[in-house]
Amino acid sequence: MAADRIVSVNREGTHCFSGTQVPVRLLLDRLERGSTIYEFLLTFPTVRRQQVMALLEAASRMMVDAPVTNPTPAYTPQQ
């Protein structure tokens, strides 16, 4: 799915799902609090499942492909 069909920026500068006024941040906040994608889609029926999945896939690719500039050492518990 083309990026412009996933997310657009409204007049206030908020990233929203294209064709809606639903901020992308709402999805991330809801997932962080334990909601499911299904629950999100029921609450915001103007957002399509394909948009949500494409957004999450793009974010995943960005994280995997992003260079690590300042790696954090692995956590080792003290004994």
N, C-alpha and C. Protein backbone atom coordinates (compact mmCIF):
# COMPACT_ATOMS: atom_id res chain seq x y z
N MET A 1 0.85 -1.17 0.00
CA MET A 1 0.00 0.00 0.00
C MET A 1 0.90 1.23 0.00
N ALA A 2 0.60 2.20 -0.85
CA ALA A 2 1.40 3.42 -0.94
C ALA A 2 1.30 4.22 0.35
N ALA A 3 2.39 4.87 0.72
CA ALA A 3 2.46 5.62 1.98
C ALA A 3 1.36 6.67 2.08
N ASP A 4 1.03 7.33 0.96
CA ASP A 4 0.00 8.37 1.01
C ASP A 4 -1.41 7.79 1.20
N ARG A 5 -1.54 6.49 1.05
CA ARG A 5 -2.83 5.84 1.30
C ARG A 5 -2.92 5.34 2.73
N ILE A 6 -1.81 5.43 3.46
CA ILE A 6 -1.79 4.98 4.85
C ILE A 6 -1.96 6.17 5.78
N VAL A 7 -1.11 7.18 5.62
CA VAL A 7 -1.08 8.30 6.55
C VAL A 7 -1.04 9.61 5.77
N SER A 8 -1.75 10.60 6.30
CA SER A 8 -1.67 11.96 5.76
C SER A 8 -1.53 12.90 6.96
N VAL A 9 -1.17 14.14 6.68
CA VAL A 9 -1.01 15.14 7.73
C VAL A 9 -2.14 16.16 7.59
N ASN A 10 -2.88 16.37 8.69
CA ASN A 10 -3.99 17.32 8.62
C ASN A 10 -3.49 18.76 8.79
N ARG A 11 -4.40 19.72 8.77
CA ARG A 11 -4.03 21.14 8.85
C ARG A 11 -3.27 21.50 10.11
N GLU A 12 -3.53 20.78 11.18
CA GLU A 12 -2.86 21.05 12.45
C GLU A 12 -1.49 20.39 12.53
N GLY A 13 -1.12 19.62 11.51
CA GLY A 13 0.17 18.94 11.50
C GLY A 13 0.16 17.58 12.16
N THR A 14 -1.03 17.04 12.41
CA THR A 14 -1.16 15.73 13.04
C THR A 14 -1.18 14.64 11.98
N HIS A 15 -0.41 13.60 12.20
CA HIS A 15 -0.42 12.45 11.29
C HIS A 15 -1.68 11.62 11.56
N CYS A 16 -2.52 11.52 10.53
CA CYS A 16 -3.78 10.78 10.64
C CYS A 16 -3.82 9.69 9.59
N PHE A 17 -4.66 8.70 9.83
CA PHE A 17 -4.89 7.69 8.80
C PHE A 17 -5.55 8.40 7.63
N SER A 18 -5.05 8.17 6.43
CA SER A 18 -5.56 8.84 5.22
C SER A 18 -7.05 8.64 5.07
N GLY A 19 -7.73 9.73 4.70
CA GLY A 19 -9.18 9.68 4.50
C GLY A 19 -9.96 9.79 5.78
N THR A 20 -9.27 9.99 6.91
CA THR A 20 -9.92 10.10 8.21
C THR A 20 -9.32 11.27 8.97
N GLN A 21 -9.87 11.55 10.12
CA GLN A 21 -9.27 12.49 11.06
C GLN A 21 -8.79 11.74 12.30
N VAL A 22 -8.53 10.45 12.16
CA VAL A 22 -8.09 9.61 13.28
C VAL A 22 -6.56 9.66 13.35
N PRO A 23 -6.03 10.26 14.43
CA PRO A 23 -4.57 10.33 14.56
C PRO A 23 -3.94 8.95 14.71
N VAL A 24 -2.80 8.78 14.05
CA VAL A 24 -2.04 7.54 14.16
C VAL A 24 -1.66 7.29 15.62
N ARG A 25 -1.39 8.35 16.35
CA ARG A 25 -0.99 8.24 17.76
C ARG A 25 -2.04 7.48 18.57
N LEU A 26 -3.33 7.63 18.21
CA LEU A 26 -4.38 6.90 18.93
C LEU A 26 -4.18 5.40 18.84
N LEU A 27 -3.82 4.91 17.67
CA LEU A 27 -3.56 3.47 17.52
C LEU A 27 -2.42 3.05 18.43
N LEU A 28 -1.33 3.79 18.39
CA LEU A 28 -0.17 3.42 19.20
C LEU A 28 -0.49 3.47 20.69
N ASP A 29 -1.22 4.50 21.11
CA ASP A 29 -1.61 4.60 22.53
C ASP A 29 -2.50 3.43 22.94
N ARG A 30 -3.45 3.09 22.09
CA ARG A 30 -4.37 1.98 22.41
C ARG A 30 -3.63 0.65 22.48
N LEU A 31 -2.74 0.41 21.53
CA LEU A 31 -1.97 -0.84 21.56
C LEU A 31 -1.09 -0.91 22.80
N GLU A 32 -0.51 0.22 23.17
CA GLU A 32 0.34 0.27 24.36
C GLU A 32 -0.45 -0.07 25.62
N ARG A 33 -1.72 0.33 25.65
CA ARG A 33 -2.57 0.06 26.81
C ARG A 33 -3.21 -1.32 26.79
N GLY A 34 -2.91 -2.12 25.73
CA GLY A 34 -3.40 -3.49 25.71
C GLY A 34 -4.60 -3.75 24.81
N SER A 35 -5.08 -2.73 24.12
CA SER A 35 -6.19 -2.94 23.19
C SER A 35 -5.70 -3.74 22.00
N THR A 36 -6.62 -4.37 21.32
CA THR A 36 -6.28 -5.12 20.11
C THR A 36 -6.56 -4.25 18.88
N ILE A 37 -6.01 -4.65 17.76
CA ILE A 37 -6.30 -3.97 16.50
C ILE A 37 -7.80 -4.06 16.22
N TYR A 38 -8.38 -5.21 16.48
CA TYR A 38 -9.81 -5.39 16.26
C TYR A 38 -10.62 -4.37 17.06
N GLU A 39 -10.28 -4.17 18.34
CA GLU A 39 -10.99 -3.20 19.17
C GLU A 39 -10.82 -1.78 18.62
N PHE A 40 -9.61 -1.47 18.17
CA PHE A 40 -9.35 -0.15 17.58
C PHE A 40 -10.23 0.07 16.36
N LEU A 41 -10.30 -0.93 15.49
CA LEU A 41 -11.09 -0.80 14.27
C LEU A 41 -12.58 -0.69 14.56
N LEU A 42 -13.05 -1.35 15.61
CA LEU A 42 -14.46 -1.21 16.00
C LEU A 42 -14.75 0.20 16.48
N THR A 43 -13.79 0.79 17.19
CA THR A 43 -13.96 2.14 17.72
C THR A 43 -13.83 3.20 16.64
N PHE A 44 -12.98 2.95 15.66
CA PHE A 44 -12.72 3.91 14.58
C PHE A 44 -12.98 3.24 13.22
N PRO A 45 -14.25 3.08 12.86
CA PRO A 45 -14.60 2.32 11.65
C PRO A 45 -14.15 2.97 10.34
N THR A 46 -13.75 4.24 10.36
CA THR A 46 -13.27 4.86 9.12
C THR A 46 -11.86 4.43 8.77
N VAL A 47 -11.15 3.85 9.74
CA VAL A 47 -9.79 3.34 9.48
C VAL A 47 -9.92 1.91 8.97
N ARG A 48 -9.22 1.61 7.90
CA ARG A 48 -9.26 0.25 7.34
C ARG A 48 -8.16 -0.62 7.94
N ARG A 49 -8.46 -1.89 8.08
CA ARG A 49 -7.49 -2.84 8.61
C ARG A 49 -6.20 -2.81 7.79
N GLN A 50 -6.32 -2.68 6.48
CA GLN A 50 -5.14 -2.65 5.61
C GLN A 50 -4.24 -1.47 5.95
N GLN A 51 -4.84 -0.33 6.34
CA GLN A 51 -4.04 0.83 6.74
C GLN A 51 -3.24 0.54 8.01
N VAL A 52 -3.91 -0.06 8.98
CA VAL A 52 -3.25 -0.38 10.25
C VAL A 52 -2.10 -1.36 10.01
N MET A 53 -2.36 -2.42 9.26
CA MET A 53 -1.33 -3.42 9.03
C MET A 53 -0.16 -2.84 8.23
N ALA A 54 -0.45 -2.02 7.23
CA ALA A 54 0.61 -1.40 6.44
C ALA A 54 1.45 -0.45 7.30
N LEU A 55 0.80 0.30 8.18
CA LEU A 55 1.53 1.20 9.08
C LEU A 55 2.46 0.41 9.99
N LEU A 56 1.96 -0.66 10.59
CA LEU A 56 2.78 -1.46 11.50
C LEU A 56 3.91 -2.16 10.76
N GLU A 57 3.66 -2.62 9.56
CA GLU A 57 4.72 -3.25 8.76
C GLU A 57 5.80 -2.24 8.40
N ALA A 58 5.40 -1.02 8.02
CA ALA A 58 6.37 0.02 7.68
C ALA A 58 7.19 0.40 8.91
N ALA A 59 6.55 0.53 10.06
CA ALA A 59 7.27 0.86 11.29
C ALA A 59 8.25 -0.24 11.66
N SER A 60 7.84 -1.48 11.47
CA SER A 60 8.72 -2.61 11.76
C SER A 60 9.95 -2.60 10.86
N ARG A 61 9.72 -2.36 9.57
CA ARG A 61 10.84 -2.29 8.62
C ARG A 61 11.80 -1.16 8.99
N MET A 62 11.25 -0.03 9.40
CA MET A 62 12.09 1.10 9.78
C MET A 62 12.97 0.75 10.98
N MET A 63 12.42 0.03 11.93
CA MET A 63 13.17 -0.35 13.13
C MET A 63 14.25 -1.37 12.79
N VAL A 64 13.94 -2.32 11.95
CA VAL A 64 14.89 -3.37 11.59
C VAL A 64 16.00 -2.81 10.71
N ASP A 65 15.65 -1.91 9.79
CA ASP A 65 16.61 -1.38 8.84
C ASP A 65 17.41 -0.19 9.37
N ALA A 66 16.97 0.40 10.48
CA ALA A 66 17.64 1.59 11.00
C ALA A 66 19.03 1.24 11.54
N PRO A 67 20.04 2.04 11.19
CA PRO A 67 21.38 1.78 11.73
C PRO A 67 21.41 2.09 13.22
N VAL A 68 22.17 1.32 13.94
CA VAL A 68 22.35 1.53 15.38
C VAL A 68 23.55 2.44 15.54
N THR A 69 23.30 3.66 16.02
CA THR A 69 24.38 4.63 16.14
C THR A 69 25.02 4.66 17.52
N ASN A 70 24.26 4.29 18.54
CA ASN A 70 24.78 4.31 19.89
C ASN A 70 24.20 3.11 20.64
N PRO A 71 24.74 1.91 20.39
CA PRO A 71 24.14 0.72 21.00
C PRO A 71 24.22 0.75 22.52
N THR A 72 23.18 0.24 23.14
CA THR A 72 23.15 0.11 24.58
C THR A 72 23.68 -1.26 24.94
N PRO A 73 24.60 -1.31 25.91
CA PRO A 73 25.12 -2.64 26.30
C PRO A 73 24.00 -3.55 26.81
N ALA A 74 24.15 -4.82 26.57
CA ALA A 74 23.16 -5.80 27.04
C ALA A 74 23.08 -5.75 28.56
N TYR A 75 21.88 -5.93 29.08
CA TYR A 75 21.68 -5.94 30.52
C TYR A 75 22.19 -7.23 31.12
N THR A 76 23.02 -7.12 32.12
CA THR A 76 23.52 -8.28 32.85
C THR A 76 23.20 -8.08 34.32
N PRO A 77 22.35 -8.95 34.88
CA PRO A 77 21.99 -8.80 36.30
C PRO A 77 23.21 -9.00 37.20
N GLN A 78 23.28 -8.21 38.23
CA GLN A 78 24.36 -8.34 39.21
C GLN A 78 24.06 -9.49 40.15
N GLN A 79 25.08 -10.24 40.48
CA GLN A 79 24.87 -11.38 41.41
C GLN A 79 25.46 -11.07 42.75
